[in-house]
Amino acid sequence: MGITKKAFTFIEIVVVIGVIGMSLPILFTIIFAITNQTLKVQRLSEVKKQGDYAINVIENTIRGYAVKIYDKDTILDEDEKCKDIDSSHSSNGTDFYIKDISGKYFNFQLTDSKIASESADPTDPDFDPVSDPVSVDLTSDKVFIKDFAIQCNRNTTAYPPIISISFNICYKNPLSAVGEECIFTRAEETASLYYQTKIKLRNY
């Protein structure tokens, strides 16, 4: 009795190679899309983490310690803002100072495209806030902040002023030119968010 050997025919091999050849581009496209989506999610997560942290620090600090608003760090009575009805004061943070419950000031502004909190040292009674303020960055070099705005307004003397804060935050492109820090070659690499909040000062 003879032995029969089974093997793929040439046509079957060609068909299998053809199917694999057609499947690989689709598979690579799916893998590439998943990789890009993962990158997008990671960058958006970083942007949101830093944006949430900055806005929470600003809100909690103002809500818990703010008393009055000034346009100079000397916080003199004649420089107080938003103390009258229908008054307002807008700034990018450089001339927006907030007096705290201890009588010292703090403010929030952009420093090298990062949100920074500047204040007097509450633990040092001899600290001079004008000549040697303490500055702490609330965001890192991984993100870029633009259009930072802070303003106050007061519509009635029955209630304290309201402070409004807004800014755009994006994942920073380290290789970009000035003015294009949020722009990437591929749209899926871009991650940005807009933040806006309002805080009412407490009555003391």
Protein backbone atom coordinates (compact mmCIF):
# COMPACT_ATOMS: atom_id res chain seq x y z
CA MET A 1 0.00 0.00 0.00
CA GLY A 2 1.50 3.38 -1.04
CA ILE A 3 1.97 6.38 1.27
CA THR A 4 0.20 9.60 0.22
CA LYS A 5 1.96 12.86 1.08
CA LYS A 6 -0.21 15.94 1.60
CA ALA A 7 1.15 19.45 0.94
CA PHE A 8 -0.07 22.91 0.03
CA THR A 9 -0.35 23.57 -3.64
CA PHE A 10 1.31 26.57 -5.23
CA ILE A 11 -2.07 28.27 -5.67
CA GLU A 12 -2.91 27.86 -1.99
CA ILE A 13 0.41 29.37 -0.93
CA VAL A 14 -0.09 32.33 -3.25
CA VAL A 15 -3.59 32.89 -1.84
CA VAL A 16 -2.32 32.80 1.76
CA ILE A 17 0.49 35.26 0.96
CA GLY A 18 -2.01 37.53 -0.74
CA VAL A 19 -4.35 37.50 2.25
CA ILE A 20 -1.49 38.26 4.63
CA GLY A 21 -0.29 41.04 2.32
CA MET A 22 -3.73 42.65 2.36
CA SER A 23 -4.16 42.21 6.12
CA LEU A 24 -0.84 43.70 7.24
CA PRO A 25 -1.56 47.31 6.13
CA ILE A 26 -4.92 47.19 7.90
CA LEU A 27 -3.30 45.78 11.03
CA PHE A 28 -0.55 48.41 10.99
CA THR A 29 -3.16 51.14 10.51
CA ILE A 30 -5.08 49.94 13.56
CA ILE A 31 -1.91 49.71 15.68
CA PHE A 32 -0.84 53.21 14.55
CA ALA A 33 -4.28 54.63 15.39
CA ILE A 34 -4.24 53.02 18.84
CA THR A 35 -0.73 54.34 19.50
CA ASN A 36 -1.71 57.87 18.49
CA GLN A 37 -4.87 57.72 20.59
CA THR A 38 -2.84 56.56 23.59
CA LEU A 39 -0.43 59.46 23.10
CA LYS A 40 -3.36 61.89 22.87
CA VAL A 41 -4.87 60.52 26.09
CA GLN A 42 -1.55 60.69 27.95
CA ARG A 43 -0.91 64.29 26.93
CA LEU A 44 -4.46 65.38 27.66
CA SER A 45 -4.20 63.70 31.06
CA GLU A 46 -1.02 65.67 31.83
CA VAL A 47 -2.62 68.93 30.70
CA LYS A 48 -5.73 68.29 32.79
CA LYS A 49 -3.71 67.28 35.86
CA GLN A 50 -1.69 70.48 35.82
CA GLY A 51 -4.65 72.68 34.89
CA ASP A 52 -6.80 71.21 37.66
CA TYR A 53 -4.01 71.64 40.19
CA ALA A 54 -3.41 75.29 39.27
CA ILE A 55 -7.08 76.26 39.26
CA ASN A 56 -7.71 74.44 42.57
CA VAL A 57 -4.79 76.19 44.29
CA ILE A 58 -5.96 79.57 43.00
CA GLU A 59 -9.59 78.97 44.02
CA ASN A 60 -8.79 77.62 47.49
CA THR A 61 -6.23 80.34 48.24
CA ILE A 62 -8.51 83.18 47.18
CA ARG A 63 -11.59 81.68 48.81
CA GLY A 64 -9.80 80.98 52.08
CA TYR A 65 -7.51 83.98 52.52
CA ALA A 66 -8.39 86.89 50.22
CA VAL A 67 -9.64 90.11 51.80
CA LYS A 68 -9.06 93.00 49.38
CA ILE A 69 -7.65 93.65 45.91
CA TYR A 70 -4.94 96.14 44.90
CA ASP A 71 -3.01 97.10 41.78
CA LYS A 72 0.32 97.53 43.62
CA ASP A 73 2.24 95.22 45.94
CA THR A 74 2.47 97.94 48.57
CA ILE A 75 -1.28 97.27 49.25
CA LEU A 76 -2.04 100.83 50.28
CA ASP A 77 -5.64 101.96 50.80
CA GLU A 78 -5.51 104.36 47.84
CA ASP A 79 -4.56 101.49 45.54
CA GLU A 80 -7.51 99.26 46.45
CA LYS A 81 -9.61 98.05 43.52
CA CYS A 82 -13.22 96.86 43.19
CA LYS A 83 -14.29 98.53 46.42
CA ASP A 84 -16.98 100.72 44.82
CA ILE A 85 -20.20 99.79 43.04
CA ASP A 86 -19.83 99.00 39.32
CA SER A 87 -16.04 99.03 39.60
CA SER A 88 -13.71 96.52 37.97
CA HIS A 89 -10.04 95.82 37.42
CA SER A 90 -8.54 93.57 34.71
CA SER A 91 -4.98 92.29 34.49
CA ASN A 92 -2.67 89.54 33.33
CA GLY A 93 -1.62 89.22 36.98
CA THR A 94 1.33 91.62 37.05
CA ASP A 95 -0.69 94.40 38.71
CA PHE A 96 -3.29 92.35 40.55
CA TYR A 97 -2.42 91.89 44.23
CA ILE A 98 -4.64 90.32 46.84
CA LYS A 99 -4.38 91.16 50.52
CA ASP A 100 -4.75 88.17 52.84
CA ILE A 101 -6.15 87.91 56.34
CA SER A 102 -2.70 88.46 57.86
CA GLY A 103 -2.26 91.79 56.06
CA LYS A 104 0.26 90.55 53.48
CA TYR A 105 -0.24 90.11 49.76
CA PHE A 106 -0.26 87.28 47.24
CA ASN A 107 -0.91 87.18 43.51
CA PHE A 108 -1.03 84.88 40.50
CA GLN A 109 0.67 85.65 37.20
CA LEU A 110 2.55 84.18 34.26
CA THR A 111 6.28 83.59 34.69
CA ASP A 112 8.03 82.08 31.65
CA SER A 113 4.71 80.70 30.34
CA LYS A 114 3.98 79.05 33.71
CA ILE A 115 1.41 80.08 36.30
CA ALA A 116 3.22 81.25 39.40
CA SER A 117 2.00 82.19 42.84
CA GLU A 118 3.89 85.06 44.42
CA SER A 119 3.49 86.03 48.05
CA ALA A 120 5.06 87.31 51.20
CA ASP A 121 6.40 84.67 53.57
CA PRO A 122 3.78 84.37 56.35
CA THR A 123 6.27 82.63 58.66
CA ASP A 124 8.77 85.52 58.67
CA PRO A 125 7.56 88.66 60.50
CA ASP A 126 10.49 90.69 59.10
CA PHE A 127 9.95 89.56 55.51
CA ASP A 128 9.87 92.37 52.93
CA PRO A 129 7.37 91.35 50.21
CA VAL A 130 8.41 94.21 47.92
CA SER A 131 12.12 93.51 47.75
CA ASP A 132 12.11 89.73 48.20
CA PRO A 133 8.81 87.98 47.36
CA VAL A 134 8.41 84.20 47.37
CA SER A 135 7.39 82.72 44.01
CA VAL A 136 6.16 79.15 43.43
CA ASP A 137 5.34 77.66 40.03
CA LEU A 138 1.94 75.95 39.83
CA THR A 139 2.61 74.41 36.41
CA SER A 140 5.71 72.81 34.89
CA ASP A 141 7.67 73.04 31.64
CA LYS A 142 5.65 70.18 30.18
CA VAL A 143 2.74 72.53 29.53
CA PHE A 144 2.36 76.03 28.11
CA ILE A 145 0.02 78.67 29.53
CA LYS A 146 -1.38 81.48 27.41
CA ASP A 147 -4.12 84.10 27.64
CA PHE A 148 -3.94 84.18 31.44
CA ALA A 149 -6.39 86.81 32.72
CA ILE A 150 -7.57 87.79 36.18
CA GLN A 151 -10.13 90.47 36.96
CA CYS A 152 -12.47 91.63 39.67
CA ASN A 153 -15.82 93.37 39.63
CA ARG A 154 -18.32 94.57 42.18
CA ASN A 155 -21.96 95.27 41.41
CA THR A 156 -23.19 96.07 44.91
CA THR A 157 -21.78 97.00 48.29
CA ALA A 158 -23.97 94.32 49.88
CA TYR A 159 -21.61 91.63 48.61
CA PRO A 160 -17.82 91.42 48.29
CA PRO A 161 -16.07 91.59 44.90
CA ILE A 162 -15.97 88.62 42.56
CA ILE A 163 -12.65 87.53 41.04
CA SER A 164 -12.70 85.89 37.59
CA ILE A 165 -9.78 83.85 36.27
CA SER A 166 -9.27 82.24 32.87
CA PHE A 167 -6.41 80.70 30.90
CA ASN A 168 -5.57 78.25 28.12
CA ILE A 169 -3.22 75.37 28.85
CA CYS A 170 -1.68 73.01 26.29
CA TYR A 171 0.94 70.28 26.06
CA LYS A 172 4.13 72.10 25.10
CA ASN A 173 6.03 71.28 21.92
CA PRO A 174 9.71 71.57 22.97
CA LEU A 175 10.82 71.97 19.34
CA SER A 176 8.36 74.69 18.37
CA ALA A 177 9.12 78.29 17.47
CA VAL A 178 8.04 81.18 19.65
CA GLY A 179 4.29 81.64 19.37
CA GLU A 180 3.74 78.06 18.19
CA GLU A 181 4.30 76.22 21.47
CA CYS A 182 0.92 74.44 21.25
CA ILE A 183 1.25 73.37 17.60
CA PHE A 184 2.36 69.89 16.53
CA THR A 185 2.84 68.37 13.08
CA ARG A 186 -0.02 65.92 13.63
CA ALA A 187 -3.32 67.04 15.09
CA GLU A 188 -3.56 63.95 17.29
CA GLU A 189 -0.45 65.09 19.16
CA THR A 190 -2.13 68.32 20.26
CA ALA A 191 -3.75 68.50 23.70
CA SER A 192 -5.21 71.70 25.16
CA LEU A 193 -7.90 72.82 27.60
CA TYR A 194 -9.56 76.09 28.59
CA TYR A 195 -10.15 76.96 32.25
CA GLN A 196 -12.42 79.60 33.70
CA THR A 197 -13.69 80.18 37.22
CA LYS A 198 -15.22 82.83 39.46
CA ILE A 199 -14.59 83.24 43.18
CA LYS A 200 -16.43 85.50 45.56
CA LEU A 201 -14.33 87.08 48.29
CA ARG A 202 -15.40 86.38 51.84
CA ASN A 203 -16.75 89.07 54.13
CA TYR A 204 -14.42 89.77 57.05
